[in-house]
Amino acid sequence: MRILVTGGAGFIGSNYVRKLIGGAYPAYAEAEVVVLDKLTYAGNEENLAPVAGDPRLSFVRGDICDAELVGKLMTGTDVVVHFAAESHVDRSILGSADFVLTNVLGTQTLLQGALDAGVGKFVHVSTDEVYGTIESGSWTEDHILEPNSPYSAAKAGSDLIARSYHRTHGLPVCVTRCSNNYGPYHFPEKVIPLFVTNLLDGKQVPLYGDGLNVRDWLHVDDHCRGIALVAESGRAGEIYNIGGGTELTNRELTEKLLAATGRDWSSVRPVEDRKGHDRRYSVDITKISTELGYTPQVPFEQGLAEVVQWYRDNRAWWEPLKQRAALAGS
């Protein structure tokens, strides 16, 4: 069996690859794994270092919009797990062209390549942000799409393209929509790694608005296990929400990170709220739990403590990334 993983050098994709090569998903214990990654600012081959020597793993640097390359890689591929995406909301607000190009056209290029090659399963990894914002309750998979940022709008577009390839061509596509991920190897522009690394260095952290926006937190190990279940047994044409079950306001999350790093509220700098900032996300995971037996297994307090310790222990990984970002003015 051969699995093509796009964006496999990014945060979530590399976690999936490390787990897969390490034997966490028995159905794919002997699978050959090909990673396709453009290595933009958030992609990092070092994320694959723990499994880089495994003979089943090969790495290809390339663009998912490159139809010729995609066509070559799809030949002989059994399963595609598609993580590759531009994903940072703030960057999408500053400029959305790359988000539309990569997330929409890139996904279509992959889907067409998979269709032409007769791929047996295509898992398109998406986000709960496509649903918009919800005041109470939780989204089920049949909720309408109401994205509010250029990032989430581009992801919604990619979801619909993926759906169309199943409906029109019969390509066996599944879509997953996850809540906010956290874990090791997370590029330090997102809230948890940004806050942890700043606080470890004695710097302030920026808290948007009143800090009462709510997110559901999902450990990356649980997310990737859910994706593996969908890849193995998910029904073609279906959407599966994957959540962690821990809802926190940004202010509550900040309090936990301050405590974990020995800092206080003097380390927090209130900033103007993000444009179009969604107030609350919450996904209903009944479907994936009932059909595929998924449950989140990493308790949030344990997972967060382990992540903070990982950043303490791995300065050599994140310090160069922050330095390069500062030089680039981001």
Protein backbone atom coordinates (compact mmCIF):
# COMPACT_ATOMS: atom_id res chain seq x y z
CA MET A 1 0.00 0.00 0.00
CA ARG A 2 1.15 3.51 -0.80
CA ILE A 3 -0.04 6.65 1.01
CA LEU A 4 0.57 10.16 -0.31
CA VAL A 5 0.58 12.79 2.46
CA THR A 6 0.45 16.39 1.30
CA GLY A 7 1.77 19.01 3.69
CA GLY A 8 3.48 16.20 5.57
CA ALA A 9 6.26 18.47 6.86
CA GLY A 10 3.82 20.84 8.56
CA PHE A 11 2.55 20.68 12.13
CA ILE A 12 -0.37 18.26 11.79
CA GLY A 13 0.84 16.44 8.69
CA SER A 14 4.23 15.60 10.21
CA ASN A 15 2.53 14.31 13.35
CA TYR A 16 0.43 12.00 11.19
CA VAL A 17 3.51 10.77 9.34
CA ARG A 18 5.52 10.19 12.52
CA LYS A 19 2.65 8.23 14.04
CA LEU A 20 2.00 6.27 10.87
CA ILE A 21 5.64 5.27 10.40
CA GLY A 22 5.87 4.51 14.11
CA GLY A 23 3.09 1.93 13.90
CA ALA A 24 0.28 3.83 15.62
CA TYR A 25 -2.19 2.93 12.84
CA PRO A 26 -2.09 -0.88 12.43
CA ALA A 27 -4.08 -0.87 9.17
CA TYR A 28 -1.15 0.90 7.51
CA ALA A 29 1.70 -0.81 9.36
CA GLU A 30 3.49 -1.82 6.16
CA ALA A 31 2.52 1.16 4.01
CA GLU A 32 4.96 3.11 1.90
CA VAL A 33 4.59 6.82 2.72
CA VAL A 34 5.34 9.64 0.29
CA VAL A 35 5.35 13.19 1.67
CA LEU A 36 4.74 16.08 -0.71
CA ASP A 37 5.49 19.48 0.79
CA LYS A 38 6.44 22.84 -0.71
CA LEU A 39 8.33 23.79 2.46
CA THR A 40 6.88 27.25 2.77
CA TYR A 41 7.64 29.17 5.96
CA ALA A 42 5.56 26.78 8.11
CA GLY A 43 6.86 23.55 6.56
CA ASN A 44 10.00 22.10 8.06
CA GLU A 45 11.79 18.86 7.16
CA GLU A 46 13.13 18.75 10.71
CA ASN A 47 9.58 17.87 11.79
CA LEU A 48 10.17 14.49 10.12
CA ALA A 49 13.62 13.93 11.61
CA PRO A 50 12.46 11.24 14.09
CA VAL A 51 11.42 8.97 11.18
CA ALA A 52 13.61 10.30 8.36
CA GLY A 53 15.73 7.16 8.21
CA ASP A 54 12.83 4.76 7.73
CA PRO A 55 13.04 3.07 4.30
CA ARG A 56 9.24 3.30 3.88
CA LEU A 57 9.33 7.12 3.93
CA SER A 58 10.25 9.31 0.98
CA PHE A 59 10.08 13.09 0.73
CA VAL A 60 9.29 15.18 -2.35
CA ARG A 61 9.60 18.94 -2.30
CA GLY A 62 6.96 20.37 -4.57
CA ASP A 63 3.76 22.34 -5.03
CA ILE A 64 0.30 20.78 -4.94
CA CYS A 65 -0.62 23.18 -7.76
CA ASP A 66 1.94 21.47 -10.03
CA ALA A 67 -0.34 19.17 -12.03
CA GLU A 68 2.52 17.31 -13.74
CA LEU A 69 4.23 16.48 -10.45
CA VAL A 70 0.94 15.59 -8.78
CA GLY A 71 0.08 13.26 -11.65
CA LYS A 72 3.37 11.41 -11.29
CA LEU A 73 2.98 11.01 -7.54
CA MET A 74 -0.61 9.79 -7.78
CA THR A 75 0.39 6.87 -10.00
CA GLY A 76 0.39 3.79 -7.81
CA THR A 77 -1.03 5.65 -4.80
CA ASP A 78 -3.80 3.94 -2.82
CA VAL A 79 -4.67 6.63 -0.25
CA VAL A 80 -4.21 10.41 -0.24
CA VAL A 81 -4.30 12.32 3.05
CA HIS A 82 -4.39 16.00 2.15
CA PHE A 83 -3.12 18.37 4.84
CA ALA A 84 -1.38 20.98 2.67
CA ALA A 85 -2.91 24.42 3.13
CA GLU A 86 -2.27 28.03 3.96
CA SER A 87 -3.83 28.17 7.41
CA HIS A 88 -3.07 31.31 9.42
CA VAL A 89 -6.10 33.59 9.72
CA ASP A 90 -4.09 36.76 10.40
CA ARG A 91 -2.00 36.23 7.27
CA SER A 92 -5.15 35.67 5.22
CA ILE A 93 -6.52 39.02 6.37
CA LEU A 94 -3.36 40.76 5.22
CA GLY A 95 -3.43 39.01 1.84
CA SER A 96 -5.71 36.22 0.65
CA ALA A 97 -4.38 35.36 -2.83
CA ASP A 98 -2.05 32.57 -1.65
CA PHE A 99 -4.87 31.09 0.41
CA VAL A 100 -7.19 30.85 -2.58
CA LEU A 101 -4.43 29.53 -4.84
CA THR A 102 -3.18 26.81 -2.50
CA ASN A 103 -6.36 25.83 -0.71
CA VAL A 104 -8.75 25.84 -3.66
CA LEU A 105 -6.70 25.34 -6.84
CA GLY A 106 -4.19 23.10 -5.08
CA THR A 107 -6.97 20.87 -3.76
CA GLN A 108 -8.60 20.68 -7.19
CA THR A 109 -5.27 19.71 -8.75
CA LEU A 110 -4.86 16.89 -6.25
CA LEU A 111 -8.43 15.68 -6.72
CA GLN A 112 -8.05 15.58 -10.50
CA GLY A 113 -4.75 13.73 -10.19
CA ALA A 114 -6.33 11.23 -7.81
CA LEU A 115 -9.27 10.71 -10.16
CA ASP A 116 -7.02 10.19 -13.18
CA ALA A 117 -4.89 7.67 -11.27
CA GLY A 118 -7.80 5.73 -9.74
CA VAL A 119 -6.83 6.42 -6.12
CA GLY A 120 -8.87 4.33 -3.69
CA LYS A 121 -9.40 6.91 -0.92
CA PHE A 122 -8.92 10.66 -0.62
CA VAL A 123 -9.11 12.28 2.84
CA HIS A 124 -9.40 16.07 2.69
CA VAL A 125 -8.42 17.63 6.02
CA SER A 126 -10.41 20.79 6.75
CA THR A 127 -11.41 22.96 9.71
CA ASP A 128 -14.39 23.82 11.89
CA GLU A 129 -13.86 27.45 10.87
CA VAL A 130 -15.80 26.82 7.66
CA TYR A 131 -18.99 26.78 9.76
CA GLY A 132 -18.49 30.36 10.94
CA THR A 133 -19.37 31.13 14.55
CA ILE A 134 -21.93 29.60 16.92
CA GLU A 135 -23.40 31.17 20.06
CA SER A 136 -24.57 27.94 21.69
CA GLY A 137 -24.70 24.24 20.95
CA SER A 138 -22.39 22.48 18.51
CA TRP A 139 -22.19 22.12 14.74
CA THR A 140 -23.13 18.85 13.10
CA GLU A 141 -21.68 17.98 9.72
CA ASP A 142 -24.79 19.08 7.82
CA HIS A 143 -24.65 22.67 9.12
CA ILE A 144 -24.44 25.34 6.44
CA LEU A 145 -21.05 26.87 5.69
CA GLU A 146 -20.67 30.51 6.79
CA PRO A 147 -16.92 31.25 6.78
CA ASN A 148 -15.91 34.68 8.02
CA SER A 149 -12.20 34.97 7.17
CA PRO A 150 -10.43 34.65 3.82
CA TYR A 151 -8.70 31.54 5.22
CA SER A 152 -11.90 29.78 6.22
CA ALA A 153 -13.61 30.85 3.00
CA ALA A 154 -10.81 29.28 0.98
CA LYS A 155 -11.09 26.09 3.04
CA ALA A 156 -14.86 26.03 2.53
CA GLY A 157 -14.22 26.32 -1.19
CA SER A 158 -11.84 23.37 -1.06
CA ASP A 159 -14.43 21.33 0.89
CA LEU A 160 -17.01 21.97 -1.82
CA ILE A 161 -14.57 21.08 -4.61
CA ALA A 162 -13.80 17.83 -2.78
CA ARG A 163 -17.51 17.07 -2.41
CA SER A 164 -18.09 17.74 -6.09
CA TYR A 165 -15.44 15.22 -7.13
CA HIS A 166 -17.30 12.56 -5.20
CA ARG A 167 -20.76 13.58 -6.42
CA THR A 168 -19.76 14.13 -10.05
CA HIS A 169 -17.00 11.58 -10.61
CA GLY A 170 -17.50 9.04 -7.83
CA LEU A 171 -14.05 9.69 -6.34
CA PRO A 172 -14.05 8.16 -2.83
CA VAL A 173 -13.52 11.37 -0.86
CA CYS A 174 -14.00 12.00 2.85
CA VAL A 175 -13.76 15.44 4.47
CA THR A 176 -12.69 15.95 8.09
CA ARG A 177 -13.27 19.17 10.03
CA CYS A 178 -11.23 19.61 13.19
CA SER A 179 -11.26 22.05 16.08
CA ASN A 180 -8.16 23.96 17.24
CA ASN A 181 -5.09 21.72 17.41
CA TYR A 182 -2.18 21.92 19.82
CA GLY A 183 0.92 19.82 20.27
CA PRO A 184 4.68 19.68 19.61
CA TYR A 185 6.27 21.00 16.40
CA HIS A 186 3.59 23.70 16.11
CA PHE A 187 4.91 26.71 14.19
CA PRO A 188 5.19 29.60 16.68
CA GLU A 189 2.73 31.98 15.06
CA LYS A 190 -0.37 30.20 16.42
CA VAL A 191 -1.64 31.11 19.87
CA ILE A 192 -0.31 28.30 22.09
CA PRO A 193 3.23 28.05 20.68
CA LEU A 194 3.46 31.84 20.32
CA PHE A 195 2.37 32.43 23.90
CA VAL A 196 4.51 29.64 25.35
CA THR A 197 7.69 30.70 23.56
CA ASN A 198 7.17 34.38 24.34
CA LEU A 199 6.50 33.64 28.00
CA LEU A 200 9.53 31.36 28.26
CA ASP A 201 11.61 34.27 26.98
CA GLY A 202 10.04 36.73 29.42
CA LYS A 203 8.18 38.59 26.67
CA GLN A 204 4.61 39.79 26.61
CA VAL A 205 1.82 38.02 24.74
CA PRO A 206 -0.98 39.72 22.75
CA LEU A 207 -4.55 38.97 23.82
CA TYR A 208 -7.20 39.91 21.27
CA GLY A 209 -10.16 42.06 22.36
CA ASP A 210 -11.85 41.03 25.59
CA GLY A 211 -10.31 37.55 25.50
CA LEU A 212 -13.70 35.85 25.62
CA ASN A 213 -13.61 34.14 22.22
CA VAL A 214 -14.13 30.40 22.76
CA ARG A 215 -12.26 27.55 21.09
CA ASP A 216 -12.45 23.77 21.43
CA TRP A 217 -8.94 22.35 21.93
CA LEU A 218 -7.85 19.09 20.31
CA HIS A 219 -4.49 17.40 20.82
CA VAL A 220 -2.80 16.73 17.50
CA ASP A 221 -2.41 13.03 18.40
CA ASP A 222 -6.18 12.71 18.79
CA HIS A 223 -6.79 14.60 15.55
CA CYS A 224 -4.44 12.37 13.59
CA ARG A 225 -5.95 9.24 15.10
CA GLY A 226 -9.36 10.45 13.93
CA ILE A 227 -7.98 11.05 10.45
CA ALA A 228 -6.53 7.55 10.40
CA LEU A 229 -9.94 6.12 11.31
CA VAL A 230 -11.56 8.06 8.49
CA ALA A 231 -8.88 6.99 6.02
CA GLU A 232 -9.41 3.35 6.96
CA SER A 233 -13.18 3.14 7.42
CA GLY A 234 -14.86 6.46 6.64
CA ARG A 235 -17.73 6.31 4.17
CA ALA A 236 -17.04 7.87 0.80
CA GLY A 237 -18.72 11.24 0.33
CA GLU A 238 -19.11 11.84 4.07
CA ILE A 239 -17.90 14.62 6.36
CA TYR A 240 -16.59 13.88 9.86
CA ASN A 241 -16.09 16.43 12.64
CA ILE A 242 -13.11 15.77 14.92
CA GLY A 243 -13.09 17.63 18.25
CA GLY A 244 -11.27 17.53 21.56
CA GLY A 245 -14.08 18.37 23.97
CA THR A 246 -12.26 21.13 25.89
CA GLU A 247 -13.81 24.55 25.33
CA LEU A 248 -11.93 27.52 26.77
CA THR A 249 -12.07 31.26 26.32
CA ASN A 250 -8.81 32.76 25.12
CA ARG A 251 -8.55 34.42 28.53
CA GLU A 252 -8.87 31.03 30.29
CA LEU A 253 -6.25 29.55 27.99
CA THR A 254 -3.93 32.48 28.70
CA GLU A 255 -4.33 31.94 32.46
CA LYS A 256 -3.28 28.30 32.07
CA LEU A 257 -0.24 29.25 29.98
CA LEU A 258 0.79 31.93 32.46
CA ALA A 259 0.60 29.39 35.29
CA ALA A 260 2.53 26.78 33.30
CA THR A 261 5.38 29.19 32.59
CA GLY A 262 5.49 30.95 35.97
CA ARG A 263 4.31 34.32 34.64
CA ASP A 264 1.50 36.67 35.64
CA TRP A 265 -0.91 39.06 33.92
CA SER A 266 1.77 41.72 33.59
CA SER A 267 3.01 39.56 30.72
CA VAL A 268 -0.26 40.05 28.80
CA ARG A 269 -0.73 42.94 26.38
CA PRO A 270 -4.32 43.64 25.29
CA VAL A 271 -4.53 44.34 21.55
CA GLU A 272 -7.26 45.41 19.17
CA ASP A 273 -9.51 42.54 18.22
CA ARG A 274 -8.93 40.68 14.95
CA LYS A 275 -11.16 41.71 12.04
CA GLY A 276 -14.15 39.40 11.72
CA HIS A 277 -13.07 37.45 14.79
CA ASP A 278 -15.35 34.42 15.26
CA ARG A 279 -16.76 34.34 18.78
CA ARG A 280 -17.11 30.62 19.42
CA TYR A 281 -16.39 27.27 17.74
CA SER A 282 -17.85 23.94 18.84
CA VAL A 283 -18.17 20.72 16.84
CA ASP A 284 -20.46 17.77 17.50
CA ILE A 285 -18.42 14.55 17.23
CA THR A 286 -21.33 12.12 17.52
CA LYS A 287 -20.96 10.92 13.93
CA ILE A 288 -17.29 9.91 14.03
CA SER A 289 -17.72 8.50 17.52
CA THR A 290 -20.72 6.36 16.59
CA GLU A 291 -19.51 5.21 13.18
CA LEU A 292 -15.76 4.85 13.73
CA GLY A 293 -15.31 4.61 17.50
CA TYR A 294 -13.41 7.88 17.91
CA THR A 295 -12.96 9.48 21.32
CA PRO A 296 -10.33 12.06 22.33
CA GLN A 297 -7.80 10.36 24.60
CA VAL A 298 -5.37 13.10 25.66
CA PRO A 299 -6.66 15.06 28.71
CA PHE A 300 -6.15 18.76 28.05
CA GLU A 301 -4.29 19.54 31.27
CA GLN A 302 -1.86 16.69 30.62
CA GLY A 303 -1.44 17.55 26.97
CA LEU A 304 -0.84 21.24 27.66
CA ALA A 305 1.76 20.50 30.34
CA GLU A 306 3.58 18.16 27.95
CA VAL A 307 3.51 20.78 25.17
CA VAL A 308 4.95 23.49 27.44
CA GLN A 309 7.72 21.11 28.48
CA TRP A 310 8.40 20.23 24.84
CA TYR A 311 9.00 23.89 24.02
CA ARG A 312 11.23 24.21 27.08
CA ASP A 313 13.29 21.27 25.84
CA ASN A 314 13.39 22.17 22.14
CA ARG A 315 14.63 25.72 21.83
CA ALA A 316 16.91 24.59 19.03
CA TRP A 317 13.79 23.84 16.97
CA TRP A 318 11.74 27.02 17.56
CA GLU A 319 14.26 29.80 18.17
CA PRO A 320 15.53 29.84 14.55
CA LEU A 321 11.94 29.90 13.28
CA LYS A 322 11.07 32.95 15.38
CA GLN A 323 14.29 34.68 14.37
CA ARG A 324 13.56 34.15 10.68
CA ALA A 325 9.99 35.39 11.17
CA ALA A 326 11.27 38.53 12.90
CA LEU A 327 13.72 39.20 10.08
CA ALA A 328 10.89 38.79 7.58
CA GLY A 329 8.81 41.31 9.53
CA SER A 330 6.06 38.85 10.49
